[in-house]
ModelCIF file with pLDDT and N, C-alpha, C, O atoms, coordinates in Angstrom:
data_MODEL
#
_entry.id   MODEL 
#
_entity.id                         1 
_entity.type                       polymer 
_entity.pdbx_number_of_molecules   1 
#
_entity_poly.entity_id                      1 
_entity_poly.type                           'polypeptide(L)' 
_entity_poly.nstd_linkage                   no 
_entity_poly.nstd_monomer                   no 
_entity_poly.pdbx_seq_one_letter_code       PFANFKTLVESSKYRQQWFDFKKKELEELVWDEISWQLNDNE 
_entity_poly.pdbx_seq_one_letter_code_can   PFANFKTLVESSKYRQQWFDFKKKELEELVWDEISWQLNDNE 
_entity_poly.pdbx_strand_id                 A 
#
loop_
_entity_poly_seq.entity_id 
_entity_poly_seq.num 
_entity_poly_seq.mon_id 
_entity_poly_seq.hetero 
1 1  PRO n 
1 2  PHE n 
1 3  ALA n 
1 4  ASN n 
1 5  PHE n 
1 6  LYS n 
1 7  THR n 
1 8  LEU n 
1 9  VAL n 
1 10 GLU n 
1 11 SER n 
1 12 SER n 
1 13 LYS n 
1 14 TYR n 
1 15 ARG n 
1 16 GLN n 
1 17 GLN n 
1 18 TRP n 
1 19 PHE n 
1 20 ASP n 
1 21 PHE n 
1 22 LYS n 
1 23 LYS n 
1 24 LYS n 
1 25 GLU n 
1 26 LEU n 
1 27 GLU n 
1 28 GLU n 
1 29 LEU n 
1 30 VAL n 
1 31 TRP n 
1 32 ASP n 
1 33 GLU n 
1 34 ILE n 
1 35 SER n 
1 36 TRP n 
1 37 GLN n 
1 38 LEU n 
1 39 ASN n 
1 40 ASP n 
1 41 ASN n 
1 42 GLU n 
#
_struct_asym.id          A 
_struct_asym.entity_id   1 
#
loop_
_ma_qa_metric.id 
_ma_qa_metric.mode 
_ma_qa_metric.name 
_ma_qa_metric.software_group_id 
_ma_qa_metric.type 
1 global pLDDT . pLDDT 
2 local  pLDDT . pLDDT 
#
_ma_qa_metric_global.metric_id      1 
_ma_qa_metric_global.metric_value   91.52 
_ma_qa_metric_global.model_id       1 
_ma_qa_metric_global.ordinal_id     1 
#
loop_
_ma_qa_metric_local.label_asym_id 
_ma_qa_metric_local.label_comp_id 
_ma_qa_metric_local.label_seq_id 
_ma_qa_metric_local.metric_id 
_ma_qa_metric_local.metric_value 
_ma_qa_metric_local.model_id 
_ma_qa_metric_local.ordinal_id 
A PRO 1  2 97.00 1 1  
A PHE 2  2 96.00 1 2  
A ALA 3  2 97.00 1 3  
A ASN 4  2 97.00 1 4  
A PHE 5  2 98.00 1 5  
A LYS 6  2 97.00 1 6  
A THR 7  2 97.00 1 7  
A LEU 8  2 97.00 1 8  
A VAL 9  2 97.00 1 9  
A GLU 10 2 94.00 1 10 
A SER 11 2 94.00 1 11 
A SER 12 2 96.00 1 12 
A LYS 13 2 95.00 1 13 
A TYR 14 2 96.00 1 14 
A ARG 15 2 97.00 1 15 
A GLN 16 2 97.00 1 16 
A GLN 17 2 97.00 1 17 
A TRP 18 2 97.00 1 18 
A PHE 19 2 97.00 1 19 
A ASP 20 2 98.00 1 20 
A PHE 21 2 98.00 1 21 
A LYS 22 2 96.00 1 22 
A LYS 23 2 96.00 1 23 
A LYS 24 2 96.00 1 24 
A GLU 25 2 95.00 1 25 
A LEU 26 2 92.00 1 26 
A GLU 27 2 92.00 1 27 
A GLU 28 2 93.00 1 28 
A LEU 29 2 90.00 1 29 
A VAL 30 2 89.00 1 30 
A TRP 31 2 90.00 1 31 
A ASP 32 2 89.00 1 32 
A GLU 33 2 86.00 1 33 
A ILE 34 2 87.00 1 34 
A SER 35 2 88.00 1 35 
A TRP 36 2 85.00 1 36 
A GLN 37 2 80.00 1 37 
A LEU 38 2 82.00 1 38 
A ASN 39 2 83.00 1 39 
A ASP 40 2 74.00 1 40 
A ASN 41 2 65.00 1 41 
A GLU 42 2 67.00 1 42 
#
loop_
_atom_site.group_PDB 
_atom_site.id 
_atom_site.type_symbol 
_atom_site.label_atom_id 
_atom_site.label_alt_id 
_atom_site.label_comp_id 
_atom_site.label_asym_id 
_atom_site.label_entity_id 
_atom_site.label_seq_id 
_atom_site.pdbx_PDB_ins_code 
_atom_site.Cartn_x 
_atom_site.Cartn_y 
_atom_site.Cartn_z 
_atom_site.occupancy 
_atom_site.B_iso_or_equiv 
_atom_site.pdbx_formal_charge 
_atom_site.auth_seq_id 
_atom_site.auth_comp_id 
_atom_site.auth_asym_id 
_atom_site.auth_atom_id 
_atom_site.pdbx_PDB_model_num 
ATOM 1   N N  . PRO A 1 1  ? 0.798  -1.227 0.000   1.00 97.00 ? 1  PRO A N  1 
ATOM 2   C CA . PRO A 1 1  ? 0.000  0.000  0.000   1.00 97.00 ? 1  PRO A CA 1 
ATOM 3   C C  . PRO A 1 1  ? 0.832  1.280  0.000   1.00 97.00 ? 1  PRO A C  1 
ATOM 4   O O  . PRO A 1 1  ? 0.457  2.255  -0.651  1.00 97.00 ? 1  PRO A O  1 
ATOM 5   N N  . PHE A 1 2  ? 1.949  1.293  0.714   1.00 96.00 ? 2  PHE A N  1 
ATOM 6   C CA . PHE A 1 2  ? 2.758  2.508  0.790   1.00 96.00 ? 2  PHE A CA 1 
ATOM 7   C C  . PHE A 1 2  ? 3.355  2.861  -0.578  1.00 96.00 ? 2  PHE A C  1 
ATOM 8   O O  . PHE A 1 2  ? 3.282  4.007  -1.020  1.00 96.00 ? 2  PHE A O  1 
ATOM 9   N N  . ALA A 1 3  ? 3.933  1.884  -1.224  1.00 97.00 ? 3  ALA A N  1 
ATOM 10  C CA . ALA A 1 3  ? 4.560  2.129  -2.528  1.00 97.00 ? 3  ALA A CA 1 
ATOM 11  C C  . ALA A 1 3  ? 3.518  2.490  -3.582  1.00 97.00 ? 3  ALA A C  1 
ATOM 12  O O  . ALA A 1 3  ? 3.731  3.398  -4.385  1.00 97.00 ? 3  ALA A O  1 
ATOM 13  N N  . ASN A 1 4  ? 2.402  1.784  -3.577  1.00 97.00 ? 4  ASN A N  1 
ATOM 14  C CA . ASN A 1 4  ? 1.364  2.060  -4.579  1.00 97.00 ? 4  ASN A CA 1 
ATOM 15  C C  . ASN A 1 4  ? 0.717  3.420  -4.361  1.00 97.00 ? 4  ASN A C  1 
ATOM 16  O O  . ASN A 1 4  ? 0.447  4.137  -5.325  1.00 97.00 ? 4  ASN A O  1 
ATOM 17  N N  . PHE A 1 5  ? 0.467  3.782  -3.111  1.00 98.00 ? 5  PHE A N  1 
ATOM 18  C CA . PHE A 1 5  ? -0.089 5.095  -2.802  1.00 98.00 ? 5  PHE A CA 1 
ATOM 19  C C  . PHE A 1 5  ? 0.867  6.187  -3.270  1.00 98.00 ? 5  PHE A C  1 
ATOM 20  O O  . PHE A 1 5  ? 0.461  7.155  -3.914  1.00 98.00 ? 5  PHE A O  1 
ATOM 21  N N  . LYS A 1 6  ? 2.133  6.015  -2.936  1.00 97.00 ? 6  LYS A N  1 
ATOM 22  C CA . LYS A 1 6  ? 3.152  7.005  -3.309  1.00 97.00 ? 6  LYS A CA 1 
ATOM 23  C C  . LYS A 1 6  ? 3.213  7.192  -4.821  1.00 97.00 ? 6  LYS A C  1 
ATOM 24  O O  . LYS A 1 6  ? 3.265  8.321  -5.309  1.00 97.00 ? 6  LYS A O  1 
ATOM 25  N N  . THR A 1 7  ? 3.207  6.095  -5.555  1.00 97.00 ? 7  THR A N  1 
ATOM 26  C CA . THR A 1 7  ? 3.265  6.169  -7.015  1.00 97.00 ? 7  THR A CA 1 
ATOM 27  C C  . THR A 1 7  ? 2.075  6.939  -7.579  1.00 97.00 ? 7  THR A C  1 
ATOM 28  O O  . THR A 1 7  ? 2.234  7.779  -8.465  1.00 97.00 ? 7  THR A O  1 
ATOM 29  N N  . LEU A 1 8  ? 0.893  6.651  -7.067  1.00 97.00 ? 8  LEU A N  1 
ATOM 30  C CA . LEU A 1 8  ? -0.318 7.327  -7.565  1.00 97.00 ? 8  LEU A CA 1 
ATOM 31  C C  . LEU A 1 8  ? -0.313 8.822  -7.233  1.00 97.00 ? 8  LEU A C  1 
ATOM 32  O O  . LEU A 1 8  ? -0.598 9.661  -8.088  1.00 97.00 ? 8  LEU A O  1 
ATOM 33  N N  . VAL A 1 9  ? 0.007  9.134  -6.001  1.00 97.00 ? 9  VAL A N  1 
ATOM 34  C CA . VAL A 1 9  ? -0.051 10.536 -5.567  1.00 97.00 ? 9  VAL A CA 1 
ATOM 35  C C  . VAL A 1 9  ? 1.032  11.367 -6.248  1.00 97.00 ? 9  VAL A C  1 
ATOM 36  O O  . VAL A 1 9  ? 0.775  12.486 -6.690  1.00 97.00 ? 9  VAL A O  1 
ATOM 37  N N  . GLU A 1 10 ? 2.231  10.822 -6.331  1.00 94.00 ? 10 GLU A N  1 
ATOM 38  C CA . GLU A 1 10 ? 3.332  11.608 -6.880  1.00 94.00 ? 10 GLU A CA 1 
ATOM 39  C C  . GLU A 1 10 ? 3.194  11.865 -8.374  1.00 94.00 ? 10 GLU A C  1 
ATOM 40  O O  . GLU A 1 10 ? 3.849  12.759 -8.911  1.00 94.00 ? 10 GLU A O  1 
ATOM 41  N N  . SER A 1 11 ? 2.361  11.105 -9.041  1.00 94.00 ? 11 SER A N  1 
ATOM 42  C CA . SER A 1 11 ? 2.144  11.352 -10.469 1.00 94.00 ? 11 SER A CA 1 
ATOM 43  C C  . SER A 1 11 ? 0.820  12.071 -10.718 1.00 94.00 ? 11 SER A C  1 
ATOM 44  O O  . SER A 1 11 ? 0.326  12.093 -11.845 1.00 94.00 ? 11 SER A O  1 
ATOM 45  N N  . SER A 1 12 ? 0.252  12.653 -9.676  1.00 96.00 ? 12 SER A N  1 
ATOM 46  C CA . SER A 1 12 ? -1.043 13.332 -9.796  1.00 96.00 ? 12 SER A CA 1 
ATOM 47  C C  . SER A 1 12 ? -0.898 14.828 -9.515  1.00 96.00 ? 12 SER A C  1 
ATOM 48  O O  . SER A 1 12 ? 0.160  15.302 -9.100  1.00 96.00 ? 12 SER A O  1 
ATOM 49  N N  . LYS A 1 13 ? -1.977 15.547 -9.750  1.00 95.00 ? 13 LYS A N  1 
ATOM 50  C CA . LYS A 1 13 ? -1.988 16.982 -9.448  1.00 95.00 ? 13 LYS A CA 1 
ATOM 51  C C  . LYS A 1 13 ? -2.075 17.238 -7.943  1.00 95.00 ? 13 LYS A C  1 
ATOM 52  O O  . LYS A 1 13 ? -1.971 18.381 -7.497  1.00 95.00 ? 13 LYS A O  1 
ATOM 53  N N  . TYR A 1 14 ? -2.266 16.168 -7.159  1.00 96.00 ? 14 TYR A N  1 
ATOM 54  C CA . TYR A 1 14 ? -2.389 16.286 -5.706  1.00 96.00 ? 14 TYR A CA 1 
ATOM 55  C C  . TYR A 1 14 ? -1.055 16.096 -4.987  1.00 96.00 ? 14 TYR A C  1 
ATOM 56  O O  . TYR A 1 14 ? -1.009 16.023 -3.759  1.00 96.00 ? 14 TYR A O  1 
ATOM 57  N N  . ARG A 1 15 ? 0.011  16.019 -5.745  1.00 97.00 ? 15 ARG A N  1 
ATOM 58  C CA . ARG A 1 15 ? 1.332  15.745 -5.169  1.00 97.00 ? 15 ARG A CA 1 
ATOM 59  C C  . ARG A 1 15 ? 1.685  16.729 -4.049  1.00 97.00 ? 15 ARG A C  1 
ATOM 60  O O  . ARG A 1 15 ? 1.979  16.316 -2.927  1.00 97.00 ? 15 ARG A O  1 
ATOM 61  N N  . GLN A 1 16 ? 1.656  18.015 -4.350  1.00 97.00 ? 16 GLN A N  1 
ATOM 62  C CA . GLN A 1 16 ? 2.030  19.009 -3.345  1.00 97.00 ? 16 GLN A CA 1 
ATOM 63  C C  . GLN A 1 16 ? 1.031  19.035 -2.192  1.00 97.00 ? 16 GLN A C  1 
ATOM 64  O O  . GLN A 1 16 ? 1.414  19.222 -1.038  1.00 97.00 ? 16 GLN A O  1 
ATOM 65  N N  . GLN A 1 17 ? -0.245 18.847 -2.506  1.00 97.00 ? 17 GLN A N  1 
ATOM 66  C CA . GLN A 1 17 ? -1.269 18.804 -1.462  1.00 97.00 ? 17 GLN A CA 1 
ATOM 67  C C  . GLN A 1 17 ? -0.984 17.644 -0.500  1.00 97.00 ? 17 GLN A C  1 
ATOM 68  O O  . GLN A 1 17 ? -1.166 17.780 0.709   1.00 97.00 ? 17 GLN A O  1 
ATOM 69  N N  . TRP A 1 18 ? -0.537 16.504 -1.040  1.00 97.00 ? 18 TRP A N  1 
ATOM 70  C CA . TRP A 1 18 ? -0.188 15.355 -0.210  1.00 97.00 ? 18 TRP A CA 1 
ATOM 71  C C  . TRP A 1 18 ? 0.978  15.693 0.710   1.00 97.00 ? 18 TRP A C  1 
ATOM 72  O O  . TRP A 1 18 ? 0.926  15.420 1.909   1.00 97.00 ? 18 TRP A O  1 
ATOM 73  N N  . PHE A 1 19 ? 2.034  16.290 0.147   1.00 97.00 ? 19 PHE A N  1 
ATOM 74  C CA . PHE A 1 19 ? 3.183  16.629 0.984   1.00 97.00 ? 19 PHE A CA 1 
ATOM 75  C C  . PHE A 1 19 ? 2.805  17.610 2.086   1.00 97.00 ? 19 PHE A C  1 
ATOM 76  O O  . PHE A 1 19 ? 3.251  17.463 3.224   1.00 97.00 ? 19 PHE A O  1 
ATOM 77  N N  . ASP A 1 20 ? 1.993  18.602 1.765   1.00 98.00 ? 20 ASP A N  1 
ATOM 78  C CA . ASP A 1 20 ? 1.549  19.578 2.767   1.00 98.00 ? 20 ASP A CA 1 
ATOM 79  C C  . ASP A 1 20 ? 0.688  18.914 3.840   1.00 98.00 ? 20 ASP A C  1 
ATOM 80  O O  . ASP A 1 20 ? 0.847  19.176 5.032   1.00 98.00 ? 20 ASP A O  1 
ATOM 81  N N  . PHE A 1 21 ? -0.223 18.054 3.398   1.00 98.00 ? 21 PHE A N  1 
ATOM 82  C CA . PHE A 1 21 ? -1.116 17.349 4.318   1.00 98.00 ? 21 PHE A CA 1 
ATOM 83  C C  . PHE A 1 21 ? -0.310 16.447 5.257   1.00 98.00 ? 21 PHE A C  1 
ATOM 84  O O  . PHE A 1 21 ? -0.508 16.463 6.472   1.00 98.00 ? 21 PHE A O  1 
ATOM 85  N N  . LYS A 1 22 ? 0.591  15.671 4.681   1.00 96.00 ? 22 LYS A N  1 
ATOM 86  C CA . LYS A 1 22 ? 1.411  14.753 5.481   1.00 96.00 ? 22 LYS A CA 1 
ATOM 87  C C  . LYS A 1 22 ? 2.261  15.517 6.492   1.00 96.00 ? 22 LYS A C  1 
ATOM 88  O O  . LYS A 1 22 ? 2.374  15.109 7.648   1.00 96.00 ? 22 LYS A O  1 
ATOM 89  N N  . LYS A 1 23 ? 2.850  16.607 6.063   1.00 96.00 ? 23 LYS A N  1 
ATOM 90  C CA . LYS A 1 23 ? 3.668  17.423 6.960   1.00 96.00 ? 23 LYS A CA 1 
ATOM 91  C C  . LYS A 1 23 ? 2.839  17.938 8.132   1.00 96.00 ? 23 LYS A C  1 
ATOM 92  O O  . LYS A 1 23 ? 3.273  17.874 9.282   1.00 96.00 ? 23 LYS A O  1 
ATOM 93  N N  . LYS A 1 24 ? 1.652  18.446 7.836   1.00 96.00 ? 24 LYS A N  1 
ATOM 94  C CA . LYS A 1 24 ? 0.777  18.967 8.888   1.00 96.00 ? 24 LYS A CA 1 
ATOM 95  C C  . LYS A 1 24 ? 0.391  17.869 9.873   1.00 96.00 ? 24 LYS A C  1 
ATOM 96  O O  . LYS A 1 24 ? 0.418  18.085 11.085  1.00 96.00 ? 24 LYS A O  1 
ATOM 97  N N  . GLU A 1 25 ? 0.036  16.703 9.365   1.00 95.00 ? 25 GLU A N  1 
ATOM 98  C CA . GLU A 1 25 ? -0.351 15.591 10.233  1.00 95.00 ? 25 GLU A CA 1 
ATOM 99  C C  . GLU A 1 25 ? 0.814  15.119 11.100  1.00 95.00 ? 25 GLU A C  1 
ATOM 100 O O  . GLU A 1 25 ? 0.633  14.855 12.289  1.00 95.00 ? 25 GLU A O  1 
ATOM 101 N N  . LEU A 1 26 ? 1.996  15.012 10.519  1.00 92.00 ? 26 LEU A N  1 
ATOM 102 C CA . LEU A 1 26 ? 3.168  14.585 11.290  1.00 92.00 ? 26 LEU A CA 1 
ATOM 103 C C  . LEU A 1 26 ? 3.547  15.615 12.341  1.00 92.00 ? 26 LEU A C  1 
ATOM 104 O O  . LEU A 1 26 ? 3.939  15.258 13.452  1.00 92.00 ? 26 LEU A O  1 
ATOM 105 N N  . GLU A 1 27 ? 3.431  16.889 11.996  1.00 92.00 ? 27 GLU A N  1 
ATOM 106 C CA . GLU A 1 27 ? 3.710  17.940 12.973  1.00 92.00 ? 27 GLU A CA 1 
ATOM 107 C C  . GLU A 1 27 ? 2.744  17.843 14.147  1.00 92.00 ? 27 GLU A C  1 
ATOM 108 O O  . GLU A 1 27 ? 3.149  18.017 15.297  1.00 92.00 ? 27 GLU A O  1 
ATOM 109 N N  . GLU A 1 28 ? 1.481  17.569 13.872  1.00 93.00 ? 28 GLU A N  1 
ATOM 110 C CA . GLU A 1 28 ? 0.504  17.422 14.954  1.00 93.00 ? 28 GLU A CA 1 
ATOM 111 C C  . GLU A 1 28 ? 0.846  16.231 15.851  1.00 93.00 ? 28 GLU A C  1 
ATOM 112 O O  . GLU A 1 28 ? 0.731  16.316 17.074  1.00 93.00 ? 28 GLU A O  1 
ATOM 113 N N  . LEU A 1 29 ? 1.262  15.129 15.243  1.00 90.00 ? 29 LEU A N  1 
ATOM 114 C CA . LEU A 1 29 ? 1.656  13.964 16.039  1.00 90.00 ? 29 LEU A CA 1 
ATOM 115 C C  . LEU A 1 29 ? 2.855  14.289 16.927  1.00 90.00 ? 29 LEU A C  1 
ATOM 116 O O  . LEU A 1 29 ? 2.897  13.885 18.089  1.00 90.00 ? 29 LEU A O  1 
ATOM 117 N N  . VAL A 1 30 ? 3.828  15.018 16.379  1.00 89.00 ? 30 VAL A N  1 
ATOM 118 C CA . VAL A 1 30 ? 5.020  15.385 17.157  1.00 89.00 ? 30 VAL A CA 1 
ATOM 119 C C  . VAL A 1 30 ? 4.638  16.330 18.292  1.00 89.00 ? 30 VAL A C  1 
ATOM 120 O O  . VAL A 1 30 ? 5.095  16.158 19.423  1.00 89.00 ? 30 VAL A O  1 
ATOM 121 N N  . TRP A 1 31 ? 3.814  17.316 18.002  1.00 90.00 ? 31 TRP A N  1 
ATOM 122 C CA . TRP A 1 31 ? 3.392  18.246 19.064  1.00 90.00 ? 31 TRP A CA 1 
ATOM 123 C C  . TRP A 1 31 ? 2.612  17.518 20.153  1.00 90.00 ? 31 TRP A C  1 
ATOM 124 O O  . TRP A 1 31 ? 2.772  17.819 21.336  1.00 90.00 ? 31 TRP A O  1 
ATOM 125 N N  . ASP A 1 32 ? 1.780  16.575 19.768  1.00 89.00 ? 32 ASP A N  1 
ATOM 126 C CA . ASP A 1 32 ? 1.052  15.785 20.761  1.00 89.00 ? 32 ASP A CA 1 
ATOM 127 C C  . ASP A 1 32 ? 2.015  15.004 21.636  1.00 89.00 ? 32 ASP A C  1 
ATOM 128 O O  . ASP A 1 32 ? 1.843  14.940 22.853  1.00 89.00 ? 32 ASP A O  1 
ATOM 129 N N  . GLU A 1 33 ? 3.028  14.409 21.021  1.00 86.00 ? 33 GLU A N  1 
ATOM 130 C CA . GLU A 1 33 ? 4.024  13.644 21.773  1.00 86.00 ? 33 GLU A CA 1 
ATOM 131 C C  . GLU A 1 33 ? 4.802  14.551 22.725  1.00 86.00 ? 33 GLU A C  1 
ATOM 132 O O  . GLU A 1 33 ? 5.029  14.193 23.880  1.00 86.00 ? 33 GLU A O  1 
ATOM 133 N N  . ILE A 1 34 ? 5.206  15.711 22.244  1.00 87.00 ? 34 ILE A N  1 
ATOM 134 C CA . ILE A 1 34 ? 5.948  16.661 23.092  1.00 87.00 ? 34 ILE A CA 1 
ATOM 135 C C  . ILE A 1 34 ? 5.076  17.101 24.266  1.00 87.00 ? 34 ILE A C  1 
ATOM 136 O O  . ILE A 1 34 ? 5.524  17.125 25.412  1.00 87.00 ? 34 ILE A O  1 
ATOM 137 N N  . SER A 1 35 ? 3.845  17.443 23.968  1.00 88.00 ? 35 SER A N  1 
ATOM 138 C CA . SER A 1 35 ? 2.925  17.875 25.026  1.00 88.00 ? 35 SER A CA 1 
ATOM 139 C C  . SER A 1 35 ? 2.733  16.784 26.063  1.00 88.00 ? 35 SER A C  1 
ATOM 140 O O  . SER A 1 35 ? 2.747  17.053 27.264  1.00 88.00 ? 35 SER A O  1 
ATOM 141 N N  . TRP A 1 36 ? 2.552  15.541 25.597  1.00 85.00 ? 36 TRP A N  1 
ATOM 142 C CA . TRP A 1 36 ? 2.364  14.425 26.509  1.00 85.00 ? 36 TRP A CA 1 
ATOM 143 C C  . TRP A 1 36 ? 3.597  14.239 27.388  1.00 85.00 ? 36 TRP A C  1 
ATOM 144 O O  . TRP A 1 36 ? 3.481  14.047 28.598  1.00 85.00 ? 36 TRP A O  1 
ATOM 145 N N  . GLN A 1 37 ? 4.778  14.296 26.772  1.00 80.00 ? 37 GLN A N  1 
ATOM 146 C CA . GLN A 1 37 ? 6.010  14.098 27.540  1.00 80.00 ? 37 GLN A CA 1 
ATOM 147 C C  . GLN A 1 37 ? 6.226  15.234 28.554  1.00 80.00 ? 37 GLN A C  1 
ATOM 148 O O  . GLN A 1 37 ? 6.666  14.995 29.679  1.00 80.00 ? 37 GLN A O  1 
ATOM 149 N N  . LEU A 1 38 ? 5.915  16.454 28.149  1.00 82.00 ? 38 LEU A N  1 
ATOM 150 C CA . LEU A 1 38 ? 6.068  17.577 29.074  1.00 82.00 ? 38 LEU A CA 1 
ATOM 151 C C  . LEU A 1 38 ? 5.122  17.425 30.255  1.00 82.00 ? 38 LEU A C  1 
ATOM 152 O O  . LEU A 1 38 ? 5.518  17.650 31.398  1.00 82.00 ? 38 LEU A O  1 
ATOM 153 N N  . ASN A 1 39 ? 3.890  17.051 29.993  1.00 83.00 ? 39 ASN A N  1 
ATOM 154 C CA . ASN A 1 39 ? 2.919  16.842 31.075  1.00 83.00 ? 39 ASN A CA 1 
ATOM 155 C C  . ASN A 1 39 ? 3.316  15.687 31.958  1.00 83.00 ? 39 ASN A C  1 
ATOM 156 O O  . ASN A 1 39 ? 3.140  15.746 33.175  1.00 83.00 ? 39 ASN A O  1 
ATOM 157 N N  . ASP A 1 40 ? 3.855  14.627 31.361  1.00 74.00 ? 40 ASP A N  1 
ATOM 158 C CA . ASP A 1 40 ? 4.299  13.467 32.111  1.00 74.00 ? 40 ASP A CA 1 
ATOM 159 C C  . ASP A 1 40 ? 5.467  13.833 33.016  1.00 74.00 ? 40 ASP A C  1 
ATOM 160 O O  . ASP A 1 40 ? 5.525  13.407 34.169  1.00 74.00 ? 40 ASP A O  1 
ATOM 161 N N  . ASN A 1 41 ? 6.412  14.639 32.478  1.00 65.00 ? 41 ASN A N  1 
ATOM 162 C CA . ASN A 1 41 ? 7.568  15.066 33.273  1.00 65.00 ? 41 ASN A CA 1 
ATOM 163 C C  . ASN A 1 41 ? 7.149  15.981 34.409  1.00 65.00 ? 41 ASN A C  1 
ATOM 164 O O  . ASN A 1 41 ? 7.717  15.916 35.499  1.00 65.00 ? 41 ASN A O  1 
ATOM 165 N N  . GLU A 1 42 ? 6.153  16.839 34.166  1.00 67.00 ? 42 GLU A N  1 
ATOM 166 C CA . GLU A 1 42 ? 5.675  17.723 35.225  1.00 67.00 ? 42 GLU A CA 1 
ATOM 167 C C  . GLU A 1 42 ? 5.065  16.927 36.368  1.00 67.00 ? 42 GLU A C  1 
ATOM 168 O O  . GLU A 1 42 ? 4.609  17.510 37.351  1.00 67.00 ? 42 GLU A O  1 
#
């Protein structure tokens, strides 16, 4: 699924939208992890 999804998206007009979307989602996951760790440490 990962390779096939990548092939389809990267050859489409949604390529940049995918990269922006993925970046935003990963940033949210990282911020959630940081927030959780900070609260846990407190």
